[in-house]
Amino acid sequence: MIRALLLVIAFSAAATATAQGIYRWTDDKGKVHYGSEPPPKAAAREVRERINSYSGPIEVQRAPTAAKAGSAVAGPVVLYSTSWCGYCAQARAYFARRNIQYVDHDVERSSGAHADFKRLGGKGVPLIVYGRDTMSGFSEKAFEALVARSR
């Protein structure tokens, strides 16, 4: 069991590094396999990278300039999120209460948003872009300090 878990972790890391798909399938004996190409007649599923909720301390840093060029930043506040993330829901509710306009990109539903999220250094959601800064995680106080600092 531990060996299979280590194999999954290794393949997940390889998938991120090479941008190749990793597939999972079960043979007729019930054994689970992972590989970059499934057998032709196997009912294989692509193993997708899991996006985690950012639960560390709030981090604010300057966004990489290379990531800003060509990214999907379309307004003063951009939220990279998922539909299931509680911190993302808190950020959305805060923005709504304060009438803050923002653009919400779901990193699990849009490959372009996922690519921008990665270029911006995203390791978990929410990732908030405000001006030239990024904020990993969300708290009202940290966001307000970011806005005050940027003025």
Protein backbone atom coordinates (compact mmCIF):
# COMPACT_ATOMS: atom_id res chain seq x y z
CA MET A 1 0.00 0.00 0.00
CA ILE A 2 2.80 2.43 0.91
CA ARG A 3 4.60 1.48 -2.28
CA ALA A 4 1.51 2.34 -4.35
CA LEU A 5 1.18 5.68 -2.55
CA LEU A 6 4.82 6.52 -3.24
CA LEU A 7 4.28 5.58 -6.87
CA VAL A 8 1.29 7.92 -7.13
CA ILE A 9 3.31 10.77 -5.57
CA ALA A 10 6.21 10.16 -7.96
CA PHE A 11 3.91 10.11 -10.98
CA SER A 12 2.13 13.27 -9.78
CA ALA A 13 5.45 15.09 -9.53
CA ALA A 14 6.47 13.83 -12.96
CA ALA A 15 3.17 14.98 -14.45
CA THR A 16 3.68 18.48 -13.12
CA ALA A 17 7.24 18.64 -14.37
CA THR A 18 6.66 17.27 -17.85
CA ALA A 19 3.06 18.38 -18.48
CA GLN A 20 2.37 14.85 -19.75
CA GLY A 21 -0.76 13.09 -18.66
CA ILE A 22 -0.56 10.27 -16.14
CA TYR A 23 -3.21 7.60 -16.46
CA ARG A 24 -4.64 5.08 -14.01
CA TRP A 25 -6.22 1.79 -15.02
CA THR A 26 -7.04 -1.58 -13.52
CA ASP A 27 -6.11 -4.78 -15.32
CA ASP A 28 -8.36 -7.87 -15.53
CA LYS A 29 -6.71 -9.29 -12.38
CA GLY A 30 -7.71 -6.21 -10.38
CA LYS A 31 -4.22 -4.72 -10.19
CA VAL A 32 -4.03 -0.92 -10.47
CA HIS A 33 -1.47 0.54 -12.89
CA TYR A 34 -0.17 4.06 -13.57
CA GLY A 35 1.62 5.23 -16.69
CA SER A 36 1.96 7.94 -19.31
CA GLU A 37 0.12 5.81 -21.90
CA PRO A 38 -2.65 3.36 -21.05
CA PRO A 39 -3.05 0.10 -22.95
CA PRO A 40 -5.24 0.59 -26.05
CA LYS A 41 -8.31 -1.25 -24.70
CA ALA A 42 -8.03 -0.21 -21.04
CA ALA A 43 -10.64 2.03 -19.45
CA ALA A 44 -8.10 4.54 -18.15
CA ARG A 45 -8.66 7.81 -16.32
CA GLU A 46 -6.23 10.69 -16.35
CA VAL A 47 -4.84 11.44 -12.90
CA ARG A 48 -5.29 15.15 -12.28
CA GLU A 49 -3.16 17.30 -10.07
CA ARG A 50 -4.90 18.06 -6.79
CA ILE A 51 -5.24 21.72 -5.84
CA ASN A 52 -5.09 22.22 -2.10
CA SER A 53 -6.60 24.90 0.03
CA TYR A 54 -3.84 27.22 1.27
CA SER A 55 -3.79 26.87 5.05
CA GLY A 56 -0.44 28.40 5.95
CA PRO A 57 0.21 31.90 7.17
CA ILE A 58 -0.95 34.65 4.81
CA GLU A 59 1.86 35.43 2.38
CA VAL A 60 2.05 38.62 0.35
CA GLN A 61 4.71 39.03 -2.29
CA ARG A 62 5.44 40.81 -5.54
CA ALA A 63 4.01 38.96 -8.53
CA PRO A 64 6.63 37.73 -11.01
CA THR A 65 6.69 40.18 -13.92
CA ALA A 66 6.96 37.37 -16.46
CA ALA A 67 3.72 35.92 -15.11
CA LYS A 68 1.86 39.20 -15.42
CA ALA A 69 2.52 39.51 -19.15
CA GLY A 70 -0.04 37.38 -20.93
CA SER A 71 -1.90 36.35 -17.78
CA ALA A 72 -5.65 36.61 -17.39
CA VAL A 73 -5.46 39.59 -15.01
CA ALA A 74 -8.42 41.72 -16.07
CA GLY A 75 -9.12 43.95 -13.07
CA PRO A 76 -7.71 45.36 -9.88
CA VAL A 77 -8.49 42.17 -7.87
CA VAL A 78 -8.13 38.67 -9.31
CA LEU A 79 -9.09 35.60 -7.30
CA TYR A 80 -7.71 32.18 -8.29
CA SER A 81 -10.01 29.72 -6.56
CA THR A 82 -11.93 26.45 -6.60
CA SER A 83 -15.63 25.82 -6.05
CA TRP A 84 -15.08 23.80 -2.84
CA CYS A 85 -12.56 26.05 -1.04
CA GLY A 86 -13.84 27.61 2.20
CA TYR A 87 -11.22 30.39 2.19
CA CYS A 88 -12.22 31.23 -1.38
CA ALA A 89 -15.86 31.49 -0.26
CA GLN A 90 -14.79 33.82 2.57
CA ALA A 91 -12.94 36.03 0.07
CA ARG A 92 -15.94 36.13 -2.29
CA ALA A 93 -18.29 37.04 0.58
CA TYR A 94 -15.92 39.77 1.77
CA PHE A 95 -15.61 41.23 -1.74
CA ALA A 96 -19.41 41.20 -2.10
CA ARG A 97 -19.97 42.91 1.28
CA ARG A 98 -17.42 45.60 0.43
CA ASN A 99 -18.60 45.99 -3.20
CA ILE A 100 -15.10 45.15 -4.42
CA GLN A 101 -15.05 44.23 -8.08
CA TYR A 102 -12.98 41.15 -8.80
CA VAL A 103 -12.43 38.50 -11.42
CA ASP A 104 -12.78 34.91 -10.19
CA HIS A 105 -10.84 32.18 -12.04
CA ASP A 106 -11.56 28.56 -11.10
CA VAL A 107 -8.21 26.80 -11.44
CA GLU A 108 -9.84 23.36 -11.71
CA ARG A 109 -12.19 24.30 -14.55
CA SER A 110 -9.92 26.47 -16.70
CA SER A 111 -6.56 25.28 -17.96
CA GLY A 112 -5.59 28.89 -18.73
CA ALA A 113 -6.41 29.97 -15.16
CA HIS A 114 -4.50 26.95 -13.83
CA ALA A 115 -1.45 27.90 -15.92
CA ASP A 116 -1.61 31.53 -14.70
CA PHE A 117 -2.02 30.29 -11.11
CA LYS A 118 1.14 28.19 -11.46
CA ARG A 119 3.13 31.02 -13.14
CA LEU A 120 2.17 33.29 -10.25
CA GLY A 121 3.61 30.77 -7.79
CA GLY A 122 0.27 29.37 -6.62
CA LYS A 123 0.58 26.40 -4.29
CA GLY A 124 -2.93 26.49 -2.84
CA VAL A 125 -6.14 28.43 -3.16
CA PRO A 126 -7.10 31.15 -2.77
CA LEU A 127 -4.40 33.11 -4.56
CA ILE A 128 -5.36 36.77 -4.79
CA VAL A 129 -3.67 39.21 -7.13
CA TYR A 130 -3.98 42.88 -6.26
CA GLY A 131 -2.03 45.28 -8.45
CA ARG A 132 1.50 43.91 -8.57
CA ASP A 133 1.20 41.79 -5.42
CA THR A 134 -0.06 38.29 -4.74
CA MET A 135 -1.59 37.03 -1.52
CA SER A 136 -1.67 33.32 -0.68
CA GLY A 137 -4.60 32.54 1.60
CA PHE A 138 -7.22 34.99 2.80
CA SER A 139 -8.03 37.07 5.84
CA GLU A 140 -9.87 40.37 5.88
CA LYS A 141 -7.12 42.10 7.88
CA ALA A 142 -4.35 40.86 5.58
CA PHE A 143 -6.25 41.95 2.46
CA GLU A 144 -6.97 45.39 3.94
CA ALA A 145 -3.27 45.76 4.85
CA LEU A 146 -2.34 44.79 1.28
CA VAL A 147 -4.67 47.43 -0.16
CA ALA A 148 -3.41 50.10 2.26
CA ARG A 149 0.22 49.25 1.46
CA SER A 150 -0.42 49.48 -2.28
CA ARG A 151 -1.90 53.00 -2.17
